[in-house]
C-alpha atoms as a PDB file:
ATOM      1  CA  UNK A   1     124.698 109.860 104.635  1.00  0.00           C
ATOM      2  CA  UNK A   2     123.881 107.769 101.570  1.00  0.00           C
ATOM      3  CA  UNK A   3     125.191 104.249 101.230  1.00  0.00           C
ATOM      4  CA  UNK A   4     126.616 102.890  97.975  1.00  0.00           C
ATOM      5  CA  UNK A   5     123.785 101.891  95.694  1.00  0.00           C
ATOM      6  CA  UNK A   6     121.752 104.993  96.375  1.00  0.00           C
ATOM      7  CA  UNK A   7     122.778 107.089  93.420  1.00  0.00           C
ATOM      8  CA  UNK A   8     120.707 107.952  90.407  1.00  0.00           C
ATOM      9  CA  UNK A   9     118.858 104.943  89.081  1.00  0.00           C
ATOM     10  CA  UNK A  10     119.170 103.662  85.542  1.00  0.00           C
ATOM     11  CA  UNK A  11     116.601 101.921  83.435  1.00  0.00           C
ATOM     12  CA  UNK A  12     116.607  98.178  82.916  1.00  0.00           C
ATOM     13  CA  UNK A  13     115.336  95.780  80.279  1.00  0.00           C
ATOM     14  CA  UNK A  14     112.507  94.399  82.380  1.00  0.00           C
ATOM     15  CA  UNK A  15     110.471  97.587  82.062  1.00  0.00           C
ATOM     16  CA  UNK A  16     109.491  97.508  85.722  1.00  0.00           C
ATOM     17  CA  UNK A  17     112.136  99.675  87.338  1.00  0.00           C
ATOM     18  CA  UNK A  18     115.798  99.742  88.175  1.00  0.00           C
ATOM     19  CA  UNK A  19     118.340  99.704  90.908  1.00  0.00           C
ATOM     20  CA  UNK A  20     121.358 102.007  90.736  1.00  0.00           C
ATOM     21  CA  UNK A  21     124.310 100.330  88.996  1.00  0.00           C
ATOM     22  CA  UNK A  22     126.441 100.367  92.152  1.00  0.00           C
ATOM     23  CA  UNK A  23     123.813  98.265  93.977  1.00  0.00           C
ATOM     24  CA  UNK A  24     125.513  95.087  92.763  1.00  0.00           C
ATOM     25  CA  UNK A  25     129.205  94.564  93.530  1.00  0.00           C
ATOM     26  CA  UNK A  26     129.558  92.004  90.724  1.00  0.00           C
ATOM     27  CA  UNK A  27     127.720  91.303  87.475  1.00  0.00           C
ATOM     28  CA  UNK A  28     126.580  87.922  88.828  1.00  0.00           C
ATOM     29  CA  UNK A  29     125.725  89.134  92.356  1.00  0.00           C
ATOM     30  CA  UNK A  30     122.534  87.745  93.866  1.00  0.00           C
ATOM     31  CA  UNK A  31     119.267  89.676  93.773  1.00  0.00           C
ATOM     32  CA  UNK A  32     118.241  89.262  97.405  1.00  0.00           C
ATOM     33  CA  UNK A  33     114.555  89.285  98.295  1.00  0.00           C
ATOM     34  CA  UNK A  34     113.918  89.390 102.019  1.00  0.00           C
ATOM     35  CA  UNK A  35     110.620  88.389 103.597  1.00  0.00           C
ATOM     36  CA  UNK A  36     109.728  89.858 106.978  1.00  0.00           C
ATOM     37  CA  UNK A  37     106.937  87.791 108.495  1.00  0.00           C
ATOM     38  CA  UNK A  38     104.581  85.577 106.472  1.00  0.00           C
ATOM     39  CA  UNK A  39     106.704  82.435 106.295  1.00  0.00           C
ATOM     40  CA  UNK A  40     104.293  80.682 103.939  1.00  0.00           C
ATOM     41  CA  UNK A  41     104.788  83.505 101.425  1.00  0.00           C
ATOM     42  CA  UNK A  42     108.572  83.116 101.587  1.00  0.00           C
ATOM     43  CA  UNK A  43     108.283  79.390 100.842  1.00  0.00           C
ATOM     44  CA  UNK A  44     106.041  79.995  97.810  1.00  0.00           C
ATOM     45  CA  UNK A  45     108.170  82.897  96.582  1.00  0.00           C
ATOM     46  CA  UNK A  46     111.307  80.786  96.819  1.00  0.00           C
ATOM     47  CA  UNK A  47     109.663  78.077  94.691  1.00  0.00           C
ATOM     48  CA  UNK A  48     108.465  80.602  92.094  1.00  0.00           C
ATOM     49  CA  UNK A  49     111.830  82.332  91.570  1.00  0.00           C
ATOM     50  CA  UNK A  50     114.144  79.322  92.052  1.00  0.00           C
ATOM     51  CA  UNK A  51     116.545  79.160  89.107  1.00  0.00           C
ATOM     52  CA  UNK A  52     115.434  82.545  87.759  1.00  0.00           C
ATOM     53  CA  UNK A  53     117.343  85.806  87.481  1.00  0.00           C
ATOM     54  CA  UNK A  54     116.687  89.491  86.882  1.00  0.00           C
ATOM     55  CA  UNK A  55     119.164  91.229  84.600  1.00  0.00           C
ATOM     56  CA  UNK A  56     121.665  88.408  85.191  1.00  0.00           C
ATOM     57  CA  UNK A  57     121.280  88.455  88.981  1.00  0.00           C
ATOM     58  CA  UNK A  58     119.983  85.120  90.355  1.00  0.00           C
ATOM     59  CA  UNK A  59     117.194  85.418  92.922  1.00  0.00           C
ATOM     60  CA  UNK A  60     117.911  84.527  96.539  1.00  0.00           C
ATOM     61  CA  UNK A  61     114.900  84.539  98.896  1.00  0.00           C
ATOM     62  CA  UNK A  62     115.751  85.004 102.585  1.00  0.00           C
ATOM     63  CA  UNK A  63     113.524  84.951 105.633  1.00  0.00           C
ATOM     64  CA  UNK A  64     114.523  87.969 107.711  1.00  0.00           C
ATOM     65  CA  UNK A  65     114.721  87.625 111.473  1.00  0.00           C
ATOM     66  CA  UNK A  66     114.779  91.385 112.089  1.00  0.00           C
ATOM     67  CA  UNK A  67     114.115  94.611 110.173  1.00  0.00           C
ATOM     68  CA  UNK A  68     117.828  95.488 110.352  1.00  0.00           C
ATOM     69  CA  UNK A  69     118.644  92.596 107.995  1.00  0.00           C
ATOM     70  CA  UNK A  70     116.639  94.342 105.253  1.00  0.00           C
ATOM     71  CA  UNK A  71     119.513  96.659 104.333  1.00  0.00           C
ATOM     72  CA  UNK A  72     121.328  93.670 102.771  1.00  0.00           C
ATOM     73  CA  UNK A  73     118.454  93.058 100.327  1.00  0.00           C
ATOM     74  CA  UNK A  74     117.376  94.607  97.051  1.00  0.00           C
ATOM     75  CA  UNK A  75     113.691  93.932  97.795  1.00  0.00           C
ATOM     76  CA  UNK A  76     111.844  93.287 101.046  1.00  0.00           C
ATOM     77  CA  UNK A  77     108.297  91.990 101.375  1.00  0.00           C
ATOM     78  CA  UNK A  78     106.524  92.798 104.637  1.00  0.00           C
ATOM     79  CA  UNK A  79     103.410  90.871 105.593  1.00  0.00           C
ATOM     80  CA  UNK A  80     100.393  92.840 106.802  1.00  0.00           C
ATOM     81  CA  UNK A  81     100.695  91.311 110.273  1.00  0.00           C
ATOM     82  CA  UNK A  82     104.138  92.903 110.742  1.00  0.00           C
ATOM     83  CA  UNK A  83     103.044  96.564 110.904  1.00  0.00           C
ATOM     84  CA  UNK A  84     104.670  96.948 114.326  1.00  0.00           C
ATOM     85  CA  UNK A  85     108.059  96.432 112.623  1.00  0.00           C
ATOM     86  CA  UNK A  86     107.606  99.140 109.974  1.00  0.00           C
ATOM     87  CA  UNK A  87     109.330 102.008 111.846  1.00  0.00           C
ATOM     88  CA  UNK A  88     112.439  99.860 112.430  1.00  0.00           C
ATOM     89  CA  UNK A  89     112.351  98.592 108.838  1.00  0.00           C
ATOM     90  CA  UNK A  90     112.131 102.066 107.323  1.00  0.00           C
ATOM     91  CA  UNK A  91     114.943 103.247 109.587  1.00  0.00           C
ATOM     92  CA  UNK A  92     117.124 100.269 108.536  1.00  0.00           C
ATOM     93  CA  UNK A  93     116.654 100.894 104.805  1.00  0.00           C
ATOM     94  CA  UNK A  94     116.722 104.695 104.910  1.00  0.00           C
ATOM     95  CA  UNK A  95     118.912 106.005 102.068  1.00  0.00           C
ATOM     96  CA  UNK A  96     119.410 102.540 100.575  1.00  0.00           C
ATOM     97  CA  UNK A  97     118.237 101.099  97.264  1.00  0.00           C
ATOM     98  CA  UNK A  98     115.803  98.626  98.828  1.00  0.00           C
ATOM     99  CA  UNK A  99     112.366  98.210  97.266  1.00  0.00           C
ATOM    100  CA  UNK A 100     109.917  97.743 100.142  1.00  0.00           C
ATOM    101  CA  UNK A 101     106.754  95.836  99.229  1.00  0.00           C
ATOM    102  CA  UNK A 102     103.802  95.182 101.489  1.00  0.00           C
ATOM    103  CA  UNK A 103     100.178  94.142 101.601  1.00  0.00           C
ATOM    104  CA  UNK A 104      99.032  96.145 104.614  1.00  0.00           C
ATOM    105  CA  UNK A 105      96.299  98.766 104.631  1.00  0.00           C
ATOM    106  CA  UNK A 106      98.529 101.841 104.971  1.00  0.00           C
ATOM    107  CA  UNK A 107     101.955 100.457 104.017  1.00  0.00           C
ATOM    108  CA  UNK A 108     102.760 103.052 101.343  1.00  0.00           C
ATOM    109  CA  UNK A 109     101.371 105.919 103.372  1.00  0.00           C
ATOM    110  CA  UNK A 110     103.797 104.998 106.160  1.00  0.00           C
ATOM    111  CA  UNK A 111     106.810 105.078 103.826  1.00  0.00           C
ATOM    112  CA  UNK A 112     106.738 101.752 101.957  1.00  0.00           C
ATOM    113  CA  UNK A 113     107.341 101.898  98.209  1.00  0.00           C
ATOM    114  CA  UNK A 114     104.862  99.375  96.788  1.00  0.00           C
ATOM    115  CA  UNK A 115     101.714  97.925  98.332  1.00  0.00           C
ATOM    116  CA  UNK A 116      99.267  95.297  97.086  1.00  0.00           C
ATOM    117  CA  UNK A 117      95.650  95.870  98.106  1.00  0.00           C
ATOM    118  CA  UNK A 118      92.336  94.182  97.322  1.00  0.00           C
ATOM    119  CA  UNK A 119      89.621  96.534  96.082  1.00  0.00           C
ATOM    120  CA  UNK A 120      86.357  95.419  94.526  1.00  0.00           C
ATOM    121  CA  UNK A 121      87.584  91.801  94.649  1.00  0.00           C
ATOM    122  CA  UNK A 122      90.599  92.681  92.505  1.00  0.00           C
ATOM    123  CA  UNK A 123      94.251  92.958  93.450  1.00  0.00           C
ATOM    124  CA  UNK A 124      95.566  96.469  92.842  1.00  0.00           C
ATOM    125  CA  UNK A 125      98.802  98.107  93.806  1.00  0.00           C
ATOM    126  CA  UNK A 126      99.980 101.438  95.095  1.00  0.00           C
ATOM    127  CA  UNK A 127     103.360 103.107  94.577  1.00  0.00           C
ATOM    128  CA  UNK A 128     104.763 105.770  96.883  1.00  0.00           C
ATOM    129  CA  UNK A 129     106.860 107.793  94.440  1.00  0.00           C
ATOM    130  CA  UNK A 130     108.337 109.910  97.258  1.00  0.00           C
ATOM    131  CA  UNK A 131     109.728 106.797  98.985  1.00  0.00           C
ATOM    132  CA  UNK A 132     110.994 105.353  95.676  1.00  0.00           C
ATOM    133  CA  UNK A 133     112.844 108.598  94.971  1.00  0.00           C
ATOM    134  CA  UNK A 134     114.473 108.620  98.390  1.00  0.00           C
ATOM    135  CA  UNK A 135     115.641 105.045  97.794  1.00  0.00           C
ATOM    136  CA  UNK A 136     117.179 106.025  94.454  1.00  0.00           C
ATOM    137  CA  UNK A 137     114.890 103.589  92.630  1.00  0.00           C
ATOM    138  CA  UNK A 138     113.360 104.223  89.243  1.00  0.00           C
ATOM    139  CA  UNK A 139     109.835 102.912  88.690  1.00  0.00           C
ATOM    140  CA  UNK A 140     108.897 102.607  85.027  1.00  0.00           C
ATOM    141  CA  UNK A 141     106.225 104.875  83.629  1.00  0.00           C
ATOM    142  CA  UNK A 142     104.353 101.801  82.343  1.00  0.00           C
ATOM    143  CA  UNK A 143     104.133 100.381  85.845  1.00  0.00           C
ATOM    144  CA  UNK A 144     103.149 103.757  87.302  1.00  0.00           C
ATOM    145  CA  UNK A 145     100.271 104.015  84.808  1.00  0.00           C
ATOM    146  CA  UNK A 146      98.779 100.872  86.349  1.00  0.00           C
ATOM    147  CA  UNK A 147      99.330 101.929  89.953  1.00  0.00           C
ATOM    148  CA  UNK A 148      97.584 104.220  92.374  1.00  0.00           C
ATOM    149  CA  UNK A 149     100.160 106.887  93.176  1.00  0.00           C
ATOM    150  CA  UNK A 150     100.585 107.578  96.887  1.00  0.00           C
ATOM    151  CA  UNK A 151     102.525 110.482  98.370  1.00  0.00           C
ATOM    152  CA  UNK A 152     104.017 110.777 101.824  1.00  0.00           C
ATOM    153  CA  UNK A 153     101.640 111.882 104.532  1.00  0.00           C
ATOM    154  CA  UNK A 154     104.253 112.506 107.169  1.00  0.00           C
ATOM    155  CA  UNK A 155     107.427 114.592 107.029  1.00  0.00           C
ATOM    156  CA  UNK A 156     110.249 113.039 104.982  1.00  0.00           C
ATOM    157  CA  UNK A 157     112.706 113.065 107.892  1.00  0.00           C
ATOM    158  CA  UNK A 158     110.426 110.667 109.809  1.00  0.00           C
ATOM    159  CA  UNK A 159     109.977 108.157 107.011  1.00  0.00           C
ATOM    160  CA  UNK A 160     112.115 106.127 104.690  1.00  0.00           C
END
């Protein structure tokens, strides 16, 4: 069963991607970014986005106490040290429009949508287009041109 906010995605003005229109109950609803693990990252992220908005939605950074809280977010960052929580996270956000972002070695191959990795002393990123599609999220072609595309390695019913 798909939750509201999981329909076909629309494009946005930022050029990076889009959430389905029904993701936000109101025009001024918060854009909630959850952070699972890595408390220092959540503090820095909160400082960076404080007072900013995306498509009219003010950012709200929340430190998540459990993977189940991720379903109330539009984006969730998972620190590399939290790999043990990935199965519960992907179960909690299954069929929801939640962009999962990580920095762990195999994050996208396990069902995460976007992953930052260091290769040749440079930060690169991967996008799992299968997981993005299941979440009903649209990733812009410009962003995909810069990314390493990753596909699911395990059956879809087991992942996001």
